[in-house]
Amino acid sequence: MKAIKVMGTVDEQGQIALDYPLNIDKKSRVELIVLIPEEEAVNQSKEALLEDFRQAWQEAMNGDTIPVEQLWEELENDR
C-alpha cells in the first residue's frame, strides 16, 4: 500500500474536496484516514506562527540577519 499526504476541505454535506487532484490511476479504490485538528491546536499554531513572524520581522528590521550561505552550511552540517 502506498501513502500520499494531501490536504482538503470538508464541505457542509460532509464531502471532502482535495486541494489538488491525485496523480494516481483514476479508477483506484483508496482507504482514507482523516485527521481533523482540534480547534485549540489550530488557534495555538496560528498564534505561534504570528509570534515567530513578528520576531523574525523585528530581527530583520534591526539588521540582525544571517547570510543565506551560512544557513545552508548549518543545515548541511546538521545532516
Protein backbone atom coordinates (compact mmCIF):
# COMPACT_ATOMS: atom_id res chain seq x y z
CA MET A 1 0.00 0.00 0.00
CA LYS A 2 1.26 3.48 -0.90
CA ALA A 3 0.63 6.56 1.27
CA ILE A 4 0.06 10.05 -0.10
CA LYS A 5 -0.48 13.03 2.19
CA VAL A 6 -2.89 15.63 0.84
CA MET A 7 -4.93 18.43 2.31
CA GLY A 8 -8.58 19.13 1.65
CA THR A 9 -11.72 20.73 2.98
CA VAL A 10 -14.90 19.15 4.29
CA ASP A 11 -17.99 20.91 2.95
CA GLU A 12 -21.45 21.36 4.50
CA GLN A 13 -22.56 17.92 3.25
CA GLY A 14 -19.53 16.19 4.78
CA GLN A 15 -17.85 15.64 1.41
CA ILE A 16 -14.08 16.03 1.14
CA ALA A 17 -12.68 18.23 -1.64
CA LEU A 18 -8.93 17.83 -2.12
CA ASP A 19 -6.80 20.93 -2.66
CA TYR A 20 -5.41 19.37 -5.87
CA PRO A 21 -6.06 16.20 -7.90
CA LEU A 22 -4.28 12.97 -7.03
CA ASN A 23 -1.79 11.69 -9.60
CA ILE A 24 -2.96 8.05 -9.48
CA ASP A 25 -4.94 5.58 -11.59
CA LYS A 26 -8.36 7.16 -11.89
CA LYS A 27 -10.40 4.03 -11.07
CA SER A 28 -8.41 3.03 -7.97
CA ARG A 29 -10.11 2.44 -4.66
CA VAL A 30 -8.49 4.23 -1.75
CA GLU A 31 -8.54 3.98 2.02
CA LEU A 32 -8.74 7.30 3.87
CA ILE A 33 -7.60 8.28 7.32
CA VAL A 34 -8.96 11.73 8.08
CA LEU A 35 -7.07 13.80 10.66
CA ILE A 36 -9.07 16.72 12.00
CA PRO A 37 -7.12 19.25 14.08
CA GLU A 38 -8.69 20.30 17.33
CA GLU A 39 -9.73 23.94 17.27
CA GLU A 40 -7.45 24.79 20.21
CA ALA A 41 -4.42 23.31 18.43
CA VAL A 42 -5.21 25.31 15.27
CA ASN A 43 -5.52 28.56 17.23
CA GLN A 44 -2.28 27.87 19.12
CA SER A 45 -0.39 27.14 15.92
CA LYS A 46 -1.66 30.36 14.32
CA GLU A 47 -0.58 32.35 17.36
CA ALA A 48 2.83 30.64 17.38
CA LEU A 49 3.25 31.36 13.67
CA LEU A 50 2.36 35.03 14.14
CA GLU A 51 4.76 35.35 17.07
CA ASP A 52 7.57 33.73 15.06
CA PHE A 53 6.87 36.11 12.18
CA ARG A 54 6.85 39.14 14.49
CA GLN A 55 10.19 38.09 15.97
CA ALA A 56 11.73 37.44 12.54
CA TRP A 57 10.44 40.77 11.22
CA GLN A 58 11.88 42.64 14.22
CA GLU A 59 15.25 40.93 13.78
CA ALA A 60 15.27 41.81 10.08
CA MET A 61 14.39 45.44 10.81
CA ASN A 62 17.23 45.61 13.35
CA GLY A 63 19.70 44.14 10.84
CA ASP A 64 20.10 41.00 12.94
CA THR A 65 20.31 38.65 9.96
CA ILE A 66 22.39 35.67 8.86
CA PRO A 67 23.74 35.26 5.30
CA VAL A 68 21.97 32.54 3.32
CA GLU A 69 25.29 30.76 2.72
CA GLN A 70 25.74 30.36 6.48
CA LEU A 71 22.24 28.94 6.86
CA TRP A 72 22.91 26.36 4.12
CA GLU A 73 26.20 25.39 5.77
CA GLU A 74 24.47 24.91 9.12
CA LEU A 75 21.74 22.80 7.52
CA GLU A 76 24.30 20.63 5.72
CA ASN A 77 26.31 20.16 8.92
CA ASP A 78 23.19 19.02 10.82
CA ARG A 79 22.74 16.03 8.47
